[in-house]
Amino acid sequence: MTIEGNHDELWVLLDRHLHKALRGGESQDSLARKIGVSQNSISCWLKGERRGHVRLLSILKIIQALDIDPAEVFEILFAKDSLSGIERLRHERDQAVNALDRVRRALDQDPE
């Protein structure tokens, strides 16, 4: 599974934590080893270069390596989708309730 490279909110979060780790004394090489990517990938990310897709596994490794709160990432990745999913489920529920109401009214009108 991949995440689009232009997912701005996610990159802002990851960049913030990458820079924080570097300011805290972590080296790019050390970060690359922890995350399981090349040092070139770290350099590109720090320069703002987002080439193609980033594997979700790499993002999970970044979260783990930099002690990022998974709830922050979940909110960024899934909050909008979850909301639309909830709205879709509500719409489907409303349609089902309306269909049941029509059936009940039809049964009430027809004594047989």
N, C-alpha and C. Protein backbone atom coordinates (compact mmCIF):
# COMPACT_ATOMS: atom_id res chain seq x y z
N MET A 1 0.85 -1.18 0.00
CA MET A 1 0.00 0.00 0.00
C MET A 1 0.89 1.24 0.00
N THR A 2 0.50 2.24 -0.77
CA THR A 2 1.30 3.46 -0.86
C THR A 2 0.45 4.67 -0.49
N ILE A 3 1.15 5.73 -0.14
CA ILE A 3 0.51 7.00 0.16
C ILE A 3 1.02 7.99 -0.87
N GLU A 4 0.13 8.76 -1.47
CA GLU A 4 0.54 9.75 -2.46
C GLU A 4 1.56 10.70 -1.86
N GLY A 5 2.56 11.05 -2.66
CA GLY A 5 3.62 11.93 -2.19
C GLY A 5 3.16 13.35 -1.92
N ASN A 6 2.01 13.74 -2.41
CA ASN A 6 1.55 15.11 -2.20
C ASN A 6 0.54 15.22 -1.07
N HIS A 7 0.51 14.26 -0.18
CA HIS A 7 -0.41 14.30 0.96
C HIS A 7 0.17 15.30 1.96
N ASP A 8 -0.13 16.58 1.74
CA ASP A 8 0.54 17.68 2.44
C ASP A 8 0.49 17.58 3.96
N GLU A 9 -0.66 17.30 4.52
CA GLU A 9 -0.78 17.28 5.97
C GLU A 9 0.12 16.22 6.59
N LEU A 10 0.19 15.07 5.94
CA LEU A 10 1.05 13.99 6.44
C LEU A 10 2.52 14.40 6.36
N TRP A 11 2.90 15.01 5.23
CA TRP A 11 4.30 15.41 5.08
C TRP A 11 4.68 16.50 6.07
N VAL A 12 3.77 17.40 6.37
CA VAL A 12 4.06 18.43 7.38
C VAL A 12 4.37 17.77 8.71
N LEU A 13 3.56 16.80 9.09
CA LEU A 13 3.78 16.08 10.35
C LEU A 13 5.13 15.34 10.33
N LEU A 14 5.39 14.60 9.26
CA LEU A 14 6.64 13.84 9.17
C LEU A 14 7.84 14.77 9.14
N ASP A 15 7.76 15.85 8.37
CA ASP A 15 8.86 16.82 8.31
C ASP A 15 9.16 17.41 9.68
N ARG A 16 8.11 17.76 10.39
CA ARG A 16 8.29 18.35 11.71
C ARG A 16 9.07 17.40 12.62
N HIS A 17 8.71 16.13 12.59
CA HIS A 17 9.39 15.15 13.44
C HIS A 17 10.79 14.80 12.93
N LEU A 18 10.99 14.77 11.62
CA LEU A 18 12.33 14.53 11.09
C LEU A 18 13.28 15.65 11.50
N HIS A 19 12.84 16.89 11.34
CA HIS A 19 13.69 18.02 11.73
C HIS A 19 13.94 18.04 13.23
N LYS A 20 12.94 17.68 14.00
CA LYS A 20 13.09 17.63 15.46
C LYS A 20 14.15 16.59 15.84
N ALA A 21 14.12 15.43 15.19
CA ALA A 21 15.11 14.39 15.48
C ALA A 21 16.51 14.85 15.10
N LEU A 22 16.63 15.53 13.98
CA LEU A 22 17.95 16.01 13.55
C LEU A 22 18.47 17.10 14.49
N ARG A 23 17.58 17.98 14.94
CA ARG A 23 18.01 19.00 15.90
C ARG A 23 18.40 18.37 17.23
N GLY A 24 17.82 17.22 17.53
CA GLY A 24 18.13 16.52 18.78
C GLY A 24 19.41 15.71 18.71
N GLY A 25 20.11 15.77 17.59
CA GLY A 25 21.39 15.09 17.49
C GLY A 25 21.39 13.82 16.66
N GLU A 26 20.25 13.41 16.17
CA GLU A 26 20.17 12.22 15.32
C GLU A 26 20.77 12.54 13.96
N SER A 27 21.52 11.62 13.37
CA SER A 27 22.10 11.85 12.04
C SER A 27 21.15 11.33 10.97
N GLN A 28 21.31 11.85 9.75
CA GLN A 28 20.48 11.37 8.64
C GLN A 28 20.72 9.89 8.40
N ASP A 29 21.98 9.47 8.53
CA ASP A 29 22.32 8.06 8.33
C ASP A 29 21.63 7.18 9.36
N SER A 30 21.65 7.62 10.61
CA SER A 30 21.01 6.86 11.68
C SER A 30 19.49 6.78 11.46
N LEU A 31 18.89 7.90 11.07
CA LEU A 31 17.45 7.90 10.78
C LEU A 31 17.13 6.95 9.63
N ALA A 32 17.95 6.99 8.59
CA ALA A 32 17.73 6.13 7.43
C ALA A 32 17.77 4.66 7.84
N ARG A 33 18.73 4.28 8.68
CA ARG A 33 18.83 2.89 9.15
C ARG A 33 17.61 2.51 9.98
N LYS A 34 17.19 3.40 10.90
CA LYS A 34 16.02 3.11 11.75
C LYS A 34 14.76 2.91 10.91
N ILE A 35 14.61 3.74 9.89
CA ILE A 35 13.39 3.72 9.08
C ILE A 35 13.46 2.63 8.02
N GLY A 36 14.67 2.29 7.59
CA GLY A 36 14.82 1.27 6.56
C GLY A 36 14.75 1.83 5.16
N VAL A 37 15.20 3.07 5.01
CA VAL A 37 15.25 3.70 3.69
C VAL A 37 16.68 4.18 3.47
N SER A 38 16.95 4.64 2.26
CA SER A 38 18.29 5.15 1.98
C SER A 38 18.46 6.54 2.58
N GLN A 39 19.72 6.91 2.80
CA GLN A 39 19.99 8.25 3.29
C GLN A 39 19.55 9.28 2.25
N ASN A 40 19.60 8.89 0.98
CA ASN A 40 19.14 9.78 -0.08
C ASN A 40 17.65 10.08 0.07
N SER A 41 16.86 9.07 0.48
CA SER A 41 15.43 9.30 0.70
C SER A 41 15.21 10.33 1.80
N ILE A 42 15.98 10.20 2.89
CA ILE A 42 15.87 11.17 3.98
C ILE A 42 16.22 12.56 3.47
N SER A 43 17.31 12.67 2.70
CA SER A 43 17.73 13.97 2.16
C SER A 43 16.64 14.56 1.27
N CYS A 44 16.06 13.72 0.42
CA CYS A 44 14.99 14.20 -0.47
C CYS A 44 13.79 14.68 0.34
N TRP A 45 13.41 13.91 1.35
CA TRP A 45 12.27 14.31 2.17
C TRP A 45 12.54 15.64 2.85
N LEU A 46 13.75 15.82 3.36
CA LEU A 46 14.08 17.06 4.06
C LEU A 46 14.11 18.26 3.11
N LYS A 47 14.40 18.01 1.83
CA LYS A 47 14.40 19.08 0.83
C LYS A 47 12.99 19.35 0.31
N GLY A 48 12.04 18.52 0.71
CA GLY A 48 10.67 18.70 0.23
C GLY A 48 10.37 17.97 -1.06
N GLU A 49 11.29 17.11 -1.49
CA GLU A 49 11.07 16.36 -2.72
C GLU A 49 10.27 15.11 -2.42
N ARG A 50 9.14 15.00 -3.04
CA ARG A 50 8.26 13.85 -2.82
C ARG A 50 8.12 13.10 -4.14
N ARG A 51 8.99 12.18 -4.38
CA ARG A 51 8.98 11.46 -5.66
C ARG A 51 8.02 10.29 -5.60
N GLY A 52 7.02 10.32 -6.45
CA GLY A 52 6.10 9.21 -6.56
C GLY A 52 5.35 8.92 -5.28
N HIS A 53 5.40 7.68 -4.89
CA HIS A 53 4.66 7.22 -3.73
C HIS A 53 5.62 6.86 -2.61
N VAL A 54 5.12 6.90 -1.41
CA VAL A 54 5.86 6.42 -0.25
C VAL A 54 5.09 5.22 0.28
N ARG A 55 5.79 4.14 0.50
CA ARG A 55 5.13 2.93 1.00
C ARG A 55 4.59 3.19 2.40
N LEU A 56 3.41 2.67 2.65
CA LEU A 56 2.81 2.81 3.97
C LEU A 56 3.72 2.21 5.04
N LEU A 57 4.40 1.12 4.71
CA LEU A 57 5.33 0.50 5.65
C LEU A 57 6.43 1.48 6.05
N SER A 58 6.94 2.25 5.09
CA SER A 58 7.96 3.26 5.41
C SER A 58 7.40 4.31 6.35
N ILE A 59 6.17 4.72 6.11
CA ILE A 59 5.55 5.71 6.98
C ILE A 59 5.38 5.14 8.39
N LEU A 60 4.98 3.88 8.48
CA LEU A 60 4.85 3.25 9.80
C LEU A 60 6.20 3.17 10.50
N LYS A 61 7.26 2.90 9.73
CA LYS A 61 8.60 2.85 10.32
C LYS A 61 9.04 4.24 10.79
N ILE A 62 8.68 5.28 10.02
CA ILE A 62 9.00 6.65 10.43
C ILE A 62 8.29 6.96 11.75
N ILE A 63 7.02 6.59 11.82
CA ILE A 63 6.23 6.84 13.04
C ILE A 63 6.90 6.17 14.24
N GLN A 64 7.32 4.93 14.05
CA GLN A 64 7.95 4.19 15.13
C GLN A 64 9.32 4.77 15.47
N ALA A 65 10.13 5.05 14.47
CA ALA A 65 11.49 5.54 14.70
C ALA A 65 11.51 6.91 15.37
N LEU A 66 10.53 7.73 15.06
CA LEU A 66 10.52 9.10 15.59
C LEU A 66 9.54 9.28 16.74
N ASP A 67 8.97 8.19 17.22
CA ASP A 67 8.01 8.25 18.34
C ASP A 67 6.86 9.22 18.07
N ILE A 68 6.31 9.16 16.87
CA ILE A 68 5.17 10.00 16.51
C ILE A 68 3.91 9.32 17.05
N ASP A 69 3.01 10.11 17.58
CA ASP A 69 1.74 9.58 18.09
C ASP A 69 0.93 9.03 16.91
N PRO A 70 0.67 7.73 16.88
CA PRO A 70 -0.08 7.15 15.76
C PRO A 70 -1.46 7.78 15.57
N ALA A 71 -2.04 8.30 16.62
CA ALA A 71 -3.35 8.94 16.50
C ALA A 71 -3.29 10.15 15.58
N GLU A 72 -2.16 10.88 15.61
CA GLU A 72 -2.01 12.04 14.71
C GLU A 72 -2.04 11.59 13.26
N VAL A 73 -1.32 10.51 12.97
CA VAL A 73 -1.24 10.01 11.61
C VAL A 73 -2.59 9.45 11.18
N PHE A 74 -3.24 8.70 12.06
CA PHE A 74 -4.55 8.14 11.76
C PHE A 74 -5.53 9.25 11.41
N GLU A 75 -5.51 10.30 12.20
CA GLU A 75 -6.42 11.42 11.96
C GLU A 75 -6.19 12.02 10.58
N ILE A 76 -4.93 12.20 10.22
CA ILE A 76 -4.61 12.78 8.92
C ILE A 76 -5.04 11.86 7.78
N LEU A 77 -4.71 10.58 7.91
CA LEU A 77 -4.96 9.65 6.81
C LEU A 77 -6.42 9.24 6.66
N PHE A 78 -7.13 9.11 7.80
CA PHE A 78 -8.43 8.48 7.73
C PHE A 78 -9.60 9.33 8.18
N ALA A 79 -9.37 10.46 8.82
CA ALA A 79 -10.48 11.24 9.36
C ALA A 79 -11.46 11.67 8.28
N LYS A 80 -10.96 12.21 7.19
CA LYS A 80 -11.85 12.67 6.13
C LYS A 80 -12.58 11.49 5.50
N ASP A 81 -11.84 10.40 5.24
CA ASP A 81 -12.47 9.22 4.65
C ASP A 81 -13.49 8.62 5.60
N SER A 82 -13.17 8.60 6.89
CA SER A 82 -14.10 8.03 7.86
C SER A 82 -15.38 8.85 7.92
N LEU A 83 -15.23 10.16 7.86
CA LEU A 83 -16.41 11.02 7.91
C LEU A 83 -17.30 10.75 6.71
N SER A 84 -16.72 10.69 5.52
CA SER A 84 -17.55 10.43 4.35
C SER A 84 -18.15 9.03 4.43
N GLY A 85 -17.41 8.08 5.00
CA GLY A 85 -17.93 6.73 5.18
C GLY A 85 -19.11 6.71 6.13
N ILE A 86 -19.01 7.47 7.21
CA ILE A 86 -20.11 7.56 8.17
C ILE A 86 -21.33 8.20 7.51
N GLU A 87 -21.10 9.25 6.75
CA GLU A 87 -22.21 9.91 6.06
C GLU A 87 -22.86 8.95 5.07
N ARG A 88 -22.06 8.16 4.37
CA ARG A 88 -22.60 7.19 3.42
C ARG A 88 -23.45 6.15 4.15
N LEU A 89 -22.94 5.65 5.29
CA LEU A 89 -23.70 4.67 6.07
C LEU A 89 -25.01 5.26 6.59
N ARG A 90 -24.98 6.51 7.02
CA ARG A 90 -26.21 7.17 7.47
C ARG A 90 -27.22 7.26 6.33
N HIS A 91 -26.73 7.62 5.16
CA HIS A 91 -27.60 7.73 3.99
C HIS A 91 -28.22 6.37 3.67
N GLU A 92 -27.40 5.31 3.69
CA GLU A 92 -27.92 3.97 3.42
C GLU A 92 -28.94 3.55 4.48
N ARG A 93 -28.67 3.88 5.74
CA ARG A 93 -29.61 3.57 6.82
C ARG A 93 -30.93 4.29 6.58
N ASP A 94 -30.86 5.59 6.24
CA ASP A 94 -32.07 6.37 5.99
C ASP A 94 -32.87 5.78 4.84
N GLN A 95 -32.18 5.34 3.79
CA GLN A 95 -32.88 4.73 2.67
C GLN A 95 -33.58 3.44 3.09
N ALA A 96 -32.92 2.63 3.91
CA ALA A 96 -33.52 1.38 4.39
C ALA A 96 -34.74 1.66 5.26
N VAL A 97 -34.64 2.65 6.14
CA VAL A 97 -35.77 3.02 7.01
C VAL A 97 -36.94 3.50 6.16
N ASN A 98 -36.66 4.32 5.17
CA ASN A 98 -37.73 4.81 4.28
C ASN A 98 -38.39 3.66 3.52
N ALA A 99 -37.59 2.69 3.07
CA ALA A 99 -38.15 1.54 2.36
C ALA A 99 -39.05 0.72 3.29
N LEU A 100 -38.61 0.52 4.53
CA LEU A 100 -39.44 -0.21 5.50
C LEU A 100 -40.74 0.53 5.79
N ASP A 101 -40.65 1.85 5.90
CA ASP A 101 -41.87 2.65 6.13
C ASP A 101 -42.85 2.49 4.97
N ARG A 102 -42.36 2.48 3.74
CA ARG A 102 -43.23 2.31 2.57
C ARG A 102 -43.89 0.94 2.59
N VAL A 103 -43.13 -0.09 2.97
CA VAL A 103 -43.69 -1.44 3.05
C VAL A 103 -44.77 -1.49 4.13
N ARG A 104 -44.51 -0.90 5.29
CA ARG A 104 -45.49 -0.89 6.38
C ARG A 104 -46.78 -0.17 5.96
N ARG A 105 -46.62 0.98 5.32
CA ARG A 105 -47.80 1.72 4.86
C ARG A 105 -48.59 0.91 3.84
N ALA A 106 -47.89 0.24 2.95
CA ALA A 106 -48.56 -0.58 1.94
C ALA A 106 -49.30 -1.74 2.60
N LEU A 107 -48.69 -2.35 3.60
CA LEU A 107 -49.35 -3.45 4.31
C LEU A 107 -50.55 -2.96 5.10
N ASP A 108 -50.44 -1.77 5.69
CA ASP A 108 -51.56 -1.21 6.45
C ASP A 108 -52.74 -0.88 5.54
N GLN A 109 -52.49 -0.49 4.31
CA GLN A 109 -53.56 -0.14 3.37
C GLN A 109 -54.20 -1.37 2.76
N ASP A 110 -53.47 -2.45 2.66
CA ASP A 110 -53.99 -3.68 2.05
C ASP A 110 -54.27 -4.69 3.15
N PRO A 111 -55.55 -4.94 3.47
CA PRO A 111 -55.89 -5.83 4.58
C PRO A 111 -55.51 -7.29 4.33
N GLU A 112 -55.30 -7.71 3.11
CA GLU A 112 -54.99 -9.11 2.83
C GLU A 112 -53.57 -9.32 3.06
